[in-house]
Amino acid sequence: MEFLRDIEKSSNFAVVVGGPSRKSCLLLMKKFNLIRTDALIDARFQAKDYRIVTIYPTILSYDNGKWNSTDITPENYNKVFEGVQ
């Protein structure tokens, strides 16, 4: 949540917050002072259908007809966002 709060809003990113209900997601965002009107709420855990189950933010990209995912961790944070912001 801190990552989502601190990263710039960009049309290049979609923010999805998952949780057991819309209310719990909104409360979690409020707890971390995350004010993003562009955040999508995944209260049905649909991301699990695509095997996206992680505690880290994940970047999805579509290249050459294939979906790729990259977890953003403290170790790779700078490399993943080189030149993005």
C-alpha atoms as a PDB file:
ATOM      1  CA  MET A   1       0.000   0.000   0.000  1.00  0.00           C
ATOM      2  CA  GLU A   2       2.875   2.355   0.710  1.00  0.00           C
ATOM      3  CA  PHE A   3       4.191   1.646  -2.775  1.00  0.00           C
ATOM      4  CA  LEU A   4       0.832   2.533  -4.318  1.00  0.00           C
ATOM      5  CA  ARG A   5       0.611   5.684  -2.236  1.00  0.00           C
ATOM      6  CA  ASP A   6       4.073   6.874  -3.216  1.00  0.00           C
ATOM      7  CA  ILE A   7       4.136   6.069  -6.934  1.00  0.00           C
ATOM      8  CA  GLU A   8       2.900   8.715  -9.315  1.00  0.00           C
ATOM      9  CA  LYS A   9      -0.475   8.344 -10.929  1.00  0.00           C
ATOM     10  CA  SER A  10       0.046   7.342 -14.517  1.00  0.00           C
ATOM     11  CA  SER A  11      -2.098   6.198 -17.385  1.00  0.00           C
ATOM     12  CA  ASN A  12       0.483   3.454 -17.911  1.00  0.00           C
ATOM     13  CA  PHE A  13      -0.591   1.655 -14.717  1.00  0.00           C
ATOM     14  CA  ALA A  14      -3.812   0.174 -13.467  1.00  0.00           C
ATOM     15  CA  VAL A  15      -4.011  -0.284  -9.701  1.00  0.00           C
ATOM     16  CA  VAL A  16      -5.950  -3.322  -8.451  1.00  0.00           C
ATOM     17  CA  VAL A  17      -6.518  -3.860  -4.723  1.00  0.00           C
ATOM     18  CA  GLY A  18      -7.769  -7.286  -3.636  1.00  0.00           C
ATOM     19  CA  GLY A  19      -9.612  -8.257  -0.489  1.00  0.00           C
ATOM     20  CA  PRO A  20     -12.631 -10.113   0.848  1.00  0.00           C
ATOM     21  CA  SER A  21     -14.976  -7.176   0.234  1.00  0.00           C
ATOM     22  CA  ARG A  22     -15.046  -3.712  -1.283  1.00  0.00           C
ATOM     23  CA  LYS A  23     -15.400  -2.234   2.199  1.00  0.00           C
ATOM     24  CA  SER A  24     -12.301  -4.053   3.507  1.00  0.00           C
ATOM     25  CA  CYS A  25     -10.271  -2.877   0.507  1.00  0.00           C
ATOM     26  CA  LEU A  26     -11.362   0.725   1.011  1.00  0.00           C
ATOM     27  CA  LEU A  27     -10.584   0.537   4.738  1.00  0.00           C
ATOM     28  CA  LEU A  28      -7.130  -0.857   3.988  1.00  0.00           C
ATOM     29  CA  MET A  29      -6.499   1.946   1.517  1.00  0.00           C
ATOM     30  CA  LYS A  30      -7.643   4.481   4.111  1.00  0.00           C
ATOM     31  CA  LYS A  31      -5.341   2.954   6.750  1.00  0.00           C
ATOM     32  CA  PHE A  32      -2.343   3.630   4.491  1.00  0.00           C
ATOM     33  CA  ASN A  33      -3.636   7.056   3.403  1.00  0.00           C
ATOM     34  CA  LEU A  34      -3.915   5.779  -0.151  1.00  0.00           C
ATOM     35  CA  ILE A  35      -6.183   8.138  -2.037  1.00  0.00           C
ATOM     36  CA  ARG A  36      -6.539   6.816  -5.579  1.00  0.00           C
ATOM     37  CA  THR A  37      -9.810   7.164  -7.392  1.00  0.00           C
ATOM     38  CA  ASP A  38      -8.377   5.051 -10.225  1.00  0.00           C
ATOM     39  CA  ALA A  39      -7.969   1.926  -8.054  1.00  0.00           C
ATOM     40  CA  LEU A  40      -9.958  -1.125  -9.093  1.00  0.00           C
ATOM     41  CA  ILE A  41     -11.305  -3.339  -6.304  1.00  0.00           C
ATOM     42  CA  ASP A  42     -11.015  -7.132  -6.695  1.00  0.00           C
ATOM     43  CA  ALA A  43     -13.440  -8.287  -3.999  1.00  0.00           C
ATOM     44  CA  ARG A  44     -14.100 -11.566  -5.818  1.00  0.00           C
ATOM     45  CA  PHE A  45     -10.400 -12.503  -5.966  1.00  0.00           C
ATOM     46  CA  GLN A  46     -10.578 -12.797  -9.738  1.00  0.00           C
ATOM     47  CA  ALA A  47      -6.824 -12.257  -9.924  1.00  0.00           C
ATOM     48  CA  LYS A  48      -6.442 -15.764  -8.488  1.00  0.00           C
ATOM     49  CA  ASP A  49      -8.075 -17.079 -11.673  1.00  0.00           C
ATOM     50  CA  TYR A  50      -5.004 -15.766 -13.498  1.00  0.00           C
ATOM     51  CA  ARG A  51      -2.602 -17.162 -10.859  1.00  0.00           C
ATOM     52  CA  ILE A  52      -1.804 -13.714  -9.506  1.00  0.00           C
ATOM     53  CA  VAL A  53      -1.395 -14.497  -5.827  1.00  0.00           C
ATOM     54  CA  THR A  54       1.317 -12.429  -4.172  1.00  0.00           C
ATOM     55  CA  ILE A  55       1.860 -10.030  -1.318  1.00  0.00           C
ATOM     56  CA  TYR A  56       3.868  -7.811  -3.652  1.00  0.00           C
ATOM     57  CA  PRO A  57       2.603  -5.386  -6.279  1.00  0.00           C
ATOM     58  CA  THR A  58       2.662  -7.082  -9.671  1.00  0.00           C
ATOM     59  CA  ILE A  59       3.159  -5.596 -13.105  1.00  0.00           C
ATOM     60  CA  LEU A  60       1.392  -7.379 -15.951  1.00  0.00           C
ATOM     61  CA  SER A  61       2.518  -6.845 -19.508  1.00  0.00           C
ATOM     62  CA  TYR A  62       1.368  -8.262 -22.805  1.00  0.00           C
ATOM     63  CA  ASP A  63       4.137  -8.885 -25.321  1.00  0.00           C
ATOM     64  CA  ASN A  64       4.150 -11.017 -28.458  1.00  0.00           C
ATOM     65  CA  GLY A  65       0.787 -12.614 -27.677  1.00  0.00           C
ATOM     66  CA  LYS A  66       1.807 -13.646 -24.158  1.00  0.00           C
ATOM     67  CA  TRP A  67       1.013 -12.239 -20.688  1.00  0.00           C
ATOM     68  CA  ASN A  68       3.998 -11.749 -18.377  1.00  0.00           C
ATOM     69  CA  SER A  69       4.002 -10.846 -14.702  1.00  0.00           C
ATOM     70  CA  THR A  70       6.729  -9.334 -12.555  1.00  0.00           C
ATOM     71  CA  ASP A  71       6.460  -9.031  -8.791  1.00  0.00           C
ATOM     72  CA  ILE A  72       7.885  -5.768  -7.488  1.00  0.00           C
ATOM     73  CA  THR A  73      10.069  -6.546  -4.504  1.00  0.00           C
ATOM     74  CA  PRO A  74      12.461  -4.409  -2.453  1.00  0.00           C
ATOM     75  CA  GLU A  75      15.323  -6.102  -4.323  1.00  0.00           C
ATOM     76  CA  ASN A  76      14.143  -5.330  -7.882  1.00  0.00           C
ATOM     77  CA  TYR A  77      12.143  -2.126  -7.339  1.00  0.00           C
ATOM     78  CA  ASN A  78      14.660   0.263  -8.937  1.00  0.00           C
ATOM     79  CA  LYS A  79      15.351  -1.979 -11.927  1.00  0.00           C
ATOM     80  CA  VAL A  80      11.656  -2.527 -12.687  1.00  0.00           C
ATOM     81  CA  PHE A  81      10.876   1.187 -12.699  1.00  0.00           C
ATOM     82  CA  GLU A  82      13.966   2.487 -14.523  1.00  0.00           C
ATOM     83  CA  GLY A  83      12.743   5.085 -16.925  1.00  0.00           C
ATOM     84  CA  VAL A  84       9.028   4.526 -16.148  1.00  0.00           C
ATOM     85  CA  GLN A  85       8.356   7.629 -14.092  1.00  0.00           C
END
